[in-house]
Amino acid sequence: MSTDALILRGDAYSWREPCELRRRQLEARKAKQPCQLALFELKDDCRPEAERSAAGRYREPSLFTVASATRCDV
């Protein structure tokens, strides 16, 4: 038996045939999916994980939040 043959259900195939079929399958899937453009520029959120949501900011207030809440106007 040759090392470059693949036997499926009793039929011998060259390795190139399944690879080519898979490549075509992936291209067809990619062509079928619609491309949607973004409405605005996407930016990375560089804040700590706890400060990215309102619940996180409530659960873990930062030093500046605590300082502004305890500040008294005289």
PDB file of N, CA and C in Angstrom:
ATOM      1  N   MET A   1       0.850  -1.174   0.000  1.00  0.00           N
ATOM      2  CA  MET A   1       0.000   0.000   0.000  1.00  0.00           C
ATOM      3  C   MET A   1       0.894   1.235   0.000  1.00  0.00           C
ATOM      4  N   SER A   2       0.547   2.206  -0.786  1.00  0.00           N
ATOM      5  CA  SER A   2       1.313   3.440  -0.907  1.00  0.00           C
ATOM      6  C   SER A   2       0.989   4.364   0.266  1.00  0.00           C
ATOM      7  N   THR A   3       1.964   5.165   0.700  1.00  0.00           N
ATOM      8  CA  THR A   3       1.754   6.054   1.835  1.00  0.00           C
ATOM      9  C   THR A   3       0.991   7.308   1.448  1.00  0.00           C
ATOM     10  N   ASP A   4       0.867   7.572   0.158  1.00  0.00           N
ATOM     11  CA  ASP A   4       0.147   8.779  -0.259  1.00  0.00           C
ATOM     12  C   ASP A   4      -1.306   8.490  -0.615  1.00  0.00           C
ATOM     13  N   ALA A   5      -1.803   7.310  -0.267  1.00  0.00           N
ATOM     14  CA  ALA A   5      -3.186   6.953  -0.560  1.00  0.00           C
ATOM     15  C   ALA A   5      -3.994   6.907   0.732  1.00  0.00           C
ATOM     16  N   LEU A   6      -5.239   7.335   0.606  1.00  0.00           N
ATOM     17  CA  LEU A   6      -6.179   7.316   1.718  1.00  0.00           C
ATOM     18  C   LEU A   6      -7.329   6.400   1.311  1.00  0.00           C
ATOM     19  N   ILE A   7      -7.649   5.418   2.135  1.00  0.00           N
ATOM     20  CA  ILE A   7      -8.703   4.474   1.791  1.00  0.00           C
ATOM     21  C   ILE A   7      -9.936   4.794   2.626  1.00  0.00           C
ATOM     22  N   LEU A   8     -11.017   5.153   1.947  1.00  0.00           N
ATOM     23  CA  LEU A   8     -12.293   5.454   2.582  1.00  0.00           C
ATOM     24  C   LEU A   8     -13.358   4.567   1.970  1.00  0.00           C
ATOM     25  N   ARG A   9     -14.018   3.796   2.834  1.00  0.00           N
ATOM     26  CA  ARG A   9     -15.090   2.891   2.393  1.00  0.00           C
ATOM     27  C   ARG A   9     -14.648   1.986   1.226  1.00  0.00           C
ATOM     28  N   GLY A  10     -13.415   1.553   1.296  1.00  0.00           N
ATOM     29  CA  GLY A  10     -12.916   0.640   0.271  1.00  0.00           C
ATOM     30  C   GLY A  10     -12.392   1.308  -0.983  1.00  0.00           C
ATOM     31  N   ASP A  11     -12.515   2.618  -1.124  1.00  0.00           N
ATOM     32  CA  ASP A  11     -11.997   3.330  -2.286  1.00  0.00           C
ATOM     33  C   ASP A  11     -10.711   4.058  -1.908  1.00  0.00           C
ATOM     34  N   ALA A  12      -9.732   4.024  -2.794  1.00  0.00           N
ATOM     35  CA  ALA A  12      -8.451   4.681  -2.542  1.00  0.00           C
ATOM     36  C   ALA A  12      -8.476   6.082  -3.133  1.00  0.00           C
ATOM     37  N   TYR A  13      -8.047   7.048  -2.346  1.00  0.00           N
ATOM     38  CA  TYR A  13      -7.993   8.440  -2.781  1.00  0.00           C
ATOM     39  C   TYR A  13      -6.588   8.975  -2.550  1.00  0.00           C
ATOM     40  N   SER A  14      -6.192   9.878  -3.380  1.00  0.00           N
ATOM     41  CA  SER A  14      -4.958  10.609  -3.149  1.00  0.00           C
ATOM     42  C   SER A  14      -5.233  11.619  -2.039  1.00  0.00           C
ATOM     43  N   TRP A  15      -4.242  11.975  -1.253  1.00  0.00           N
ATOM     44  CA  TRP A  15      -4.432  12.956  -0.181  1.00  0.00           C
ATOM     45  C   TRP A  15      -4.860  14.301  -0.742  1.00  0.00           C
ATOM     46  N   ARG A  16      -4.501  14.574  -1.960  1.00  0.00           N
ATOM     47  CA  ARG A  16      -4.837  15.864  -2.571  1.00  0.00           C
ATOM     48  C   ARG A  16      -6.342  16.022  -2.789  1.00  0.00           C
ATOM     49  N   GLU A  17      -7.018  14.933  -3.092  1.00  0.00           N
ATOM     50  CA  GLU A  17      -8.462  15.020  -3.358  1.00  0.00           C
ATOM     51  C   GLU A  17      -9.268  15.471  -2.139  1.00  0.00           C
ATOM     52  N   PRO A  18      -9.146  14.835  -0.971  1.00  0.00           N
ATOM     53  CA  PRO A  18      -9.905  15.323   0.194  1.00  0.00           C
ATOM     54  C   PRO A  18      -9.490  16.741   0.615  1.00  0.00           C
ATOM     55  N   CYS A  19      -8.206  17.049   0.485  1.00  0.00           N
ATOM     56  CA  CYS A  19      -7.745  18.400   0.829  1.00  0.00           C
ATOM     57  C   CYS A  19      -8.359  19.439  -0.100  1.00  0.00           C
ATOM     58  N   GLU A  20      -8.433  19.127  -1.373  1.00  0.00           N
ATOM     59  CA  GLU A  20      -9.028  20.054  -2.341  1.00  0.00           C
ATOM     60  C   GLU A  20     -10.531  20.197  -2.100  1.00  0.00           C
ATOM     61  N   LEU A  21     -11.217  19.102  -1.803  1.00  0.00           N
ATOM     62  CA  LEU A  21     -12.646  19.161  -1.499  1.00  0.00           C
ATOM     63  C   LEU A  21     -12.902  20.000  -0.248  1.00  0.00           C
ATOM     64  N   ARG A  22     -12.070  19.844   0.776  1.00  0.00           N
ATOM     65  CA  ARG A  22     -12.238  20.620   2.004  1.00  0.00           C
ATOM     66  C   ARG A  22     -11.973  22.106   1.751  1.00  0.00           C
ATOM     67  N   ARG A  23     -10.970  22.418   0.921  1.00  0.00           N
ATOM     68  CA  ARG A  23     -10.675  23.807   0.594  1.00  0.00           C
ATOM     69  C   ARG A  23     -11.865  24.440  -0.119  1.00  0.00           C
ATOM     70  N   ARG A  24     -12.453  23.729  -1.062  1.00  0.00           N
ATOM     71  CA  ARG A  24     -13.634  24.242  -1.772  1.00  0.00           C
ATOM     72  C   ARG A  24     -14.812  24.417  -0.820  1.00  0.00           C
ATOM     73  N   GLN A  25     -14.964  23.479   0.099  1.00  0.00           N
ATOM     74  CA  GLN A  25     -16.044  23.552   1.082  1.00  0.00           C
ATOM     75  C   GLN A  25     -15.887  24.800   1.963  1.00  0.00           C
ATOM     76  N   LEU A  26     -14.687  25.090   2.421  1.00  0.00           N
ATOM     77  CA  LEU A  26     -14.439  26.272   3.239  1.00  0.00           C
ATOM     78  C   LEU A  26     -14.643  27.564   2.461  1.00  0.00           C
ATOM     79  N   GLU A  27     -14.233  27.585   1.196  1.00  0.00           N
ATOM     80  CA  GLU A  27     -14.446  28.770   0.354  1.00  0.00           C
ATOM     81  C   GLU A  27     -15.932  29.037   0.134  1.00  0.00           C
ATOM     82  N   ALA A  28     -16.709  27.979  -0.092  1.00  0.00           N
ATOM     83  CA  ALA A  28     -18.150  28.133  -0.299  1.00  0.00           C
ATOM     84  C   ALA A  28     -18.819  28.646   0.972  1.00  0.00           C
ATOM     85  N   ARG A  29     -18.393  28.160   2.121  1.00  0.00           N
ATOM     86  CA  ARG A  29     -18.960  28.629   3.395  1.00  0.00           C
ATOM     87  C   ARG A  29     -18.629  30.098   3.625  1.00  0.00           C
ATOM     88  N   LYS A  30     -17.410  30.477   3.325  1.00  0.00           N
ATOM     89  CA  LYS A  30     -16.992  31.868   3.504  1.00  0.00           C
ATOM     90  C   LYS A  30     -17.754  32.787   2.552  1.00  0.00           C
ATOM     91  N   ALA A  31     -17.985  32.354   1.318  1.00  0.00           N
ATOM     92  CA  ALA A  31     -18.707  33.162   0.337  1.00  0.00           C
ATOM     93  C   ALA A  31     -20.178  33.315   0.723  1.00  0.00           C
ATOM     94  N   LYS A  32     -20.729  32.317   1.403  1.00  0.00           N
ATOM     95  CA  LYS A  32     -22.138  32.346   1.773  1.00  0.00           C
ATOM     96  C   LYS A  32     -22.410  33.303   2.931  1.00  0.00           C
ATOM     97  N   GLN A  33     -21.429  33.497   3.817  1.00  0.00           N
ATOM     98  CA  GLN A  33     -21.621  34.364   4.975  1.00  0.00           C
ATOM     99  C   GLN A  33     -21.584  35.824   4.549  1.00  0.00           C
ATOM    100  N   PRO A  34     -22.569  36.618   4.959  1.00  0.00           N
ATOM    101  CA  PRO A  34     -22.583  38.034   4.598  1.00  0.00           C
ATOM    102  C   PRO A  34     -21.525  38.814   5.366  1.00  0.00           C
ATOM    103  N   CYS A  35     -21.053  39.856   4.751  1.00  0.00           N
ATOM    104  CA  CYS A  35     -20.073  40.727   5.386  1.00  0.00           C
ATOM    105  C   CYS A  35     -20.806  41.955   5.901  1.00  0.00           C
ATOM    106  N   GLN A  36     -20.674  42.239   7.187  1.00  0.00           N
ATOM    107  CA  GLN A  36     -21.355  43.377   7.777  1.00  0.00           C
ATOM    108  C   GLN A  36     -20.310  44.371   8.272  1.00  0.00           C
ATOM    109  N   LEU A  37     -20.421  45.615   7.831  1.00  0.00           N
ATOM    110  CA  LEU A  37     -19.484  46.641   8.222  1.00  0.00           C
ATOM    111  C   LEU A  37     -19.881  47.235   9.570  1.00  0.00           C
ATOM    112  N   ALA A  38     -18.904  47.716  10.307  1.00  0.00           N
ATOM    113  CA  ALA A  38     -19.166  48.338  11.603  1.00  0.00           C
ATOM    114  C   ALA A  38     -19.685  49.757  11.392  1.00  0.00           C
ATOM    115  N   LEU A  39     -20.591  50.206  12.243  1.00  0.00           N
ATOM    116  CA  LEU A  39     -21.143  51.554  12.153  1.00  0.00           C
ATOM    117  C   LEU A  39     -20.178  52.596  12.698  1.00  0.00           C
ATOM    118  N   PHE A  40     -19.271  52.181  13.572  1.00  0.00           N
ATOM    119  CA  PHE A  40     -18.319  53.108  14.168  1.00  0.00           C
ATOM    120  C   PHE A  40     -17.038  52.336  14.445  1.00  0.00           C
ATOM    121  N   GLU A  41     -15.971  53.081  14.714  1.00  0.00           N
ATOM    122  CA  GLU A  41     -14.687  52.460  14.976  1.00  0.00           C
ATOM    123  C   GLU A  41     -14.723  51.707  16.309  1.00  0.00           C
ATOM    124  N   LEU A  42     -14.274  50.466  16.295  1.00  0.00           N
ATOM    125  CA  LEU A  42     -14.255  49.663  17.514  1.00  0.00           C
ATOM    126  C   LEU A  42     -12.970  49.946  18.268  1.00  0.00           C
ATOM    127  N   LYS A  43     -13.107  50.213  19.554  1.00  0.00           N
ATOM    128  CA  LYS A  43     -11.946  50.508  20.386  1.00  0.00           C
ATOM    129  C   LYS A  43     -11.866  49.489  21.516  1.00  0.00           C
ATOM    130  N   ASP A  44     -10.651  49.192  21.941  1.00  0.00           N
ATOM    131  CA  ASP A  44     -10.460  48.272  23.060  1.00  0.00           C
ATOM    132  C   ASP A  44     -10.716  49.003  24.369  1.00  0.00           C
ATOM    133  N   ASP A  45     -11.384  48.331  25.281  1.00  0.00           N
ATOM    134  CA  ASP A  45     -11.657  48.898  26.594  1.00  0.00           C
ATOM    135  C   ASP A  45     -10.469  48.561  27.492  1.00  0.00           C
ATOM    136  N   CYS A  46      -9.706  49.573  27.878  1.00  0.00           N
ATOM    137  CA  CYS A  46      -8.492  49.338  28.654  1.00  0.00           C
ATOM    138  C   CYS A  46      -8.727  49.439  30.161  1.00  0.00           C
ATOM    139  N   ARG A  47      -9.982  49.611  30.566  1.00  0.00           N
ATOM    140  CA  ARG A  47     -10.279  49.687  31.991  1.00  0.00           C
ATOM    141  C   ARG A  47     -10.124  48.316  32.632  1.00  0.00           C
ATOM    142  N   PRO A  48      -9.884  48.290  33.957  1.00  0.00           N
ATOM    143  CA  PRO A  48      -9.846  46.993  34.651  1.00  0.00           C
ATOM    144  C   PRO A  48     -11.190  46.274  34.492  1.00  0.00           C
ATOM    145  N   GLU A  49     -11.165  44.965  34.633  1.00  0.00           N
ATOM    146  CA  GLU A  49     -12.359  44.137  34.414  1.00  0.00           C
ATOM    147  C   GLU A  49     -13.554  44.585  35.258  1.00  0.00           C
ATOM    148  N   ALA A  50     -13.312  44.955  36.519  1.00  0.00           N
ATOM    149  CA  ALA A  50     -14.408  45.342  37.413  1.00  0.00           C
ATOM    150  C   ALA A  50     -15.050  46.661  37.002  1.00  0.00           C
ATOM    151  N   GLU A  51     -14.317  47.527  36.317  1.00  0.00           N
ATOM    152  CA  GLU A  51     -14.849  48.841  35.964  1.00  0.00           C
ATOM    153  C   GLU A  51     -15.535  48.878  34.595  1.00  0.00           C
ATOM    154  N   ARG A  52     -15.606  47.764  33.920  1.00  0.00           N
ATOM    155  CA  ARG A  52     -16.198  47.736  32.570  1.00  0.00           C
ATOM    156  C   ARG A  52     -17.713  47.683  32.580  1.00  0.00           C
ATOM    157  N   SER A  53     -18.320  47.325  33.705  1.00  0.00           N
ATOM    158  CA  SER A  53     -19.786  47.277  33.781  1.00  0.00           C
ATOM    159  C   SER A  53     -20.250  48.056  35.004  1.00  0.00           C
ATOM    160  N   ALA A  54     -21.504  48.472  34.979  1.00  0.00           N
ATOM    161  CA  ALA A  54     -22.067  49.205  36.114  1.00  0.00           C
ATOM    162  C   ALA A  54     -22.086  48.336  37.367  1.00  0.00           C
ATOM    163  N   ALA A  55     -22.400  47.069  37.207  1.00  0.00           N
ATOM    164  CA  ALA A  55     -22.431  46.153  38.355  1.00  0.00           C
ATOM    165  C   ALA A  55     -21.038  46.017  38.961  1.00  0.00           C
ATOM    166  N   GLY A  56     -20.025  45.937  38.113  1.00  0.00           N
ATOM    167  CA  GLY A  56     -18.656  45.826  38.611  1.00  0.00           C
ATOM    168  C   GLY A  56     -18.207  47.085  39.319  1.00  0.00           C
ATOM    169  N   ARG A  57     -18.591  48.247  38.803  1.00  0.00           N
ATOM    170  CA  ARG A  57     -18.228  49.509  39.454  1.00  0.00           C
ATOM    171  C   ARG A  57     -18.937  49.641  40.803  1.00  0.00           C
ATOM    172  N   TYR A  58     -20.143  49.138  40.918  1.00  0.00           N
ATOM    173  CA  TYR A  58     -20.877  49.176  42.191  1.00  0.00           C
ATOM    174  C   TYR A  58     -20.254  48.193  43.191  1.00  0.00           C
ATOM    175  N   ARG A  59     -19.923  47.003  42.696  1.00  0.00           N
ATOM    176  CA  ARG A  59     -19.381  45.953  43.557  1.00  0.00           C
ATOM    177  C   ARG A  59     -17.972  46.295  44.054  1.00  0.00           C
ATOM    178  N   GLU A  60     -17.136  46.896  43.185  1.00  0.00           N
ATOM    179  CA  GLU A  60     -15.758  47.220  43.532  1.00  0.00           C
ATOM    180  C   GLU A  60     -15.466  48.676  43.174  1.00  0.00           C
ATOM    181  N   PRO A  61     -15.880  49.622  43.999  1.00  0.00           N
ATOM    182  CA  PRO A  61     -15.621  51.021  43.683  1.00  0.00           C
ATOM    183  C   PRO A  61     -14.121  51.320  43.727  1.00  0.00           C
ATOM    184  N   SER A  62     -13.669  52.224  42.839  1.00  0.00           N
ATOM    185  CA  SER A  62     -12.253  52.560  42.804  1.00  0.00           C
ATOM    186  C   SER A  62     -11.945  53.639  43.835  1.00  0.00           C
ATOM    187  N   LEU A  63     -10.687  53.933  44.017  1.00  0.00           N
ATOM    188  CA  LEU A  63     -10.251  54.916  44.996  1.00  0.00           C
ATOM    189  C   LEU A  63     -10.841  56.286  44.691  1.00  0.00           C
ATOM    190  N   PHE A  64     -10.882  56.673  43.412  1.00  0.00           N
ATOM    191  CA  PHE A  64     -11.400  57.979  43.038  1.00  0.00           C
ATOM    192  C   PHE A  64     -12.909  58.090  43.285  1.00  0.00           C
ATOM    193  N   THR A  65     -13.626  57.004  43.086  1.00  0.00           N
ATOM    194  CA  THR A  65     -15.061  56.996  43.341  1.00  0.00           C
ATOM    195  C   THR A  65     -15.339  57.155  44.831  1.00  0.00           C
ATOM    196  N   VAL A  66     -14.585  56.452  45.657  1.00  0.00           N
ATOM    197  CA  VAL A  66     -14.756  56.530  47.109  1.00  0.00           C
ATOM    198  C   VAL A  66     -14.389  57.932  47.594  1.00  0.00           C
ATOM    199  N   ALA A  67     -13.313  58.504  47.088  1.00  0.00           N
ATOM    200  CA  ALA A  67     -12.863  59.828  47.510  1.00  0.00           C
ATOM    201  C   ALA A  67     -13.888  60.899  47.138  1.00  0.00           C
ATOM    202  N   SER A  68     -14.484  60.810  45.961  1.00  0.00           N
ATOM    203  CA  SER A  68     -15.465  61.811  45.549  1.00  0.00           C
ATOM    204  C   SER A  68     -16.780  61.654  46.313  1.00  0.00           C
ATOM    205  N   ALA A  69     -17.112  60.458  46.754  1.00  0.00           N
ATOM    206  CA  ALA A  69     -18.339  60.230  47.515  1.00  0.00           C
ATOM    207  C   ALA A  69     -18.218  60.720  48.954  1.00  0.00           C
ATOM    208  N   THR A  70     -17.014  60.669  49.513  1.00  0.00           N
ATOM    209  CA  THR A  70     -16.818  61.079  50.909  1.00  0.00           C
ATOM    210  C   THR A  70     -16.397  62.548  51.026  1.00  0.00           C
ATOM    211  N   ARG A  71     -16.203  63.216  49.928  1.00  0.00           N
ATOM    212  CA  ARG A  71     -15.768  64.621  49.951  1.00  0.00           C
ATOM    213  C   ARG A  71     -16.909  65.513  50.420  1.00  0.00           C
ATOM    214  N   CYS A  72     -16.629  66.420  51.308  1.00  0.00           N
ATOM    215  CA  CYS A  72     -17.629  67.328  51.832  1.00  0.00           C
ATOM    216  C   CYS A  72     -17.343  68.726  51.305  1.00  0.00           C
ATOM    217  N   ASP A  73     -18.350  69.385  50.777  1.00  0.00           N
ATOM    218  CA  ASP A  73     -18.215  70.768  50.342  1.00  0.00           C
ATOM    219  C   ASP A  73     -18.533  71.679  51.509  1.00  0.00           C
ATOM    220  N   VAL A  74     -17.538  72.461  51.921  1.00  0.00           N
ATOM    221  CA  VAL A  74     -17.737  73.349  53.083  1.00  0.00           C
ATOM    222  C   VAL A  74     -17.897  74.762  52.625  1.00  0.00           C
TER     223      VAL A  74
END
